[in-house]
């Protein structure tokens, strides 16, 4: 169950990144830390 929640958080964060939210805003809206958000941001650029 927790794995599904974590995946949902990452998918939500990706949508926020697509809408140009800052890493700090995404961290506040999700349970993700800045390091994980940075990794997601880099993966979307590739």
C-alpha atoms as a PDB file:
ATOM      1  CA  UNK A   1       0.000   0.000   0.000  1.00  0.00           C
ATOM      2  CA  UNK A   2       2.767   2.472   0.911  1.00  0.00           C
ATOM      3  CA  UNK A   3       4.505   1.708  -2.375  1.00  0.00           C
ATOM      4  CA  UNK A   4       1.347   2.758  -4.230  1.00  0.00           C
ATOM      5  CA  UNK A   5       1.120   5.978  -2.236  1.00  0.00           C
ATOM      6  CA  UNK A   6       4.769   6.812  -2.943  1.00  0.00           C
ATOM      7  CA  UNK A   7       4.208   6.193  -6.663  1.00  0.00           C
ATOM      8  CA  UNK A   8       1.141   8.457  -6.617  1.00  0.00           C
ATOM      9  CA  UNK A   9       3.189  11.189  -4.906  1.00  0.00           C
ATOM     10  CA  UNK A  10       5.874  10.944  -7.610  1.00  0.00           C
ATOM     11  CA  UNK A  11       3.262  11.088 -10.380  1.00  0.00           C
ATOM     12  CA  UNK A  12       1.681  14.151  -8.764  1.00  0.00           C
ATOM     13  CA  UNK A  13       5.112  15.769  -8.435  1.00  0.00           C
ATOM     14  CA  UNK A  14       5.789  15.141 -12.141  1.00  0.00           C
ATOM     15  CA  UNK A  15       2.564  16.946 -13.028  1.00  0.00           C
ATOM     16  CA  UNK A  16       3.565  19.861 -10.824  1.00  0.00           C
ATOM     17  CA  UNK A  17       7.003  19.960 -12.463  1.00  0.00           C
ATOM     18  CA  UNK A  18       5.304  20.092 -15.875  1.00  0.00           C
ATOM     19  CA  UNK A  19       3.409  23.141 -14.611  1.00  0.00           C
ATOM     20  CA  UNK A  20       6.635  24.842 -13.506  1.00  0.00           C
ATOM     21  CA  UNK A  21       6.114  24.592  -9.759  1.00  0.00           C
ATOM     22  CA  UNK A  22       9.309  25.117  -7.795  1.00  0.00           C
ATOM     23  CA  UNK A  23      10.986  22.240  -6.001  1.00  0.00           C
ATOM     24  CA  UNK A  24      10.144  23.887  -2.675  1.00  0.00           C
ATOM     25  CA  UNK A  25       6.447  24.176  -3.574  1.00  0.00           C
ATOM     26  CA  UNK A  26       6.333  20.531  -4.638  1.00  0.00           C
ATOM     27  CA  UNK A  27       8.021  19.485  -1.402  1.00  0.00           C
ATOM     28  CA  UNK A  28       5.366  21.361   0.573  1.00  0.00           C
ATOM     29  CA  UNK A  29       2.509  19.756  -1.418  1.00  0.00           C
ATOM     30  CA  UNK A  30       3.895  16.222  -1.320  1.00  0.00           C
ATOM     31  CA  UNK A  31       5.890  14.164   1.147  1.00  0.00           C
ATOM     32  CA  UNK A  32       8.876  14.120  -1.209  1.00  0.00           C
ATOM     33  CA  UNK A  33      12.161  15.691  -0.192  1.00  0.00           C
ATOM     34  CA  UNK A  34      14.052  18.154  -2.367  1.00  0.00           C
ATOM     35  CA  UNK A  35      16.614  15.549  -3.441  1.00  0.00           C
ATOM     36  CA  UNK A  36      13.944  13.225  -4.834  1.00  0.00           C
ATOM     37  CA  UNK A  37      12.221  16.122  -6.607  1.00  0.00           C
ATOM     38  CA  UNK A  38      15.522  17.120  -8.183  1.00  0.00           C
ATOM     39  CA  UNK A  39      15.976  13.555  -9.465  1.00  0.00           C
ATOM     40  CA  UNK A  40      12.453  13.602 -10.927  1.00  0.00           C
ATOM     41  CA  UNK A  41      13.126  16.965 -12.598  1.00  0.00           C
ATOM     42  CA  UNK A  42      16.284  15.600 -14.235  1.00  0.00           C
ATOM     43  CA  UNK A  43      14.482  12.469 -15.423  1.00  0.00           C
ATOM     44  CA  UNK A  44      11.829  14.558 -17.150  1.00  0.00           C
ATOM     45  CA  UNK A  45      14.445  16.526 -19.080  1.00  0.00           C
ATOM     46  CA  UNK A  46      15.820  13.338 -20.697  1.00  0.00           C
END
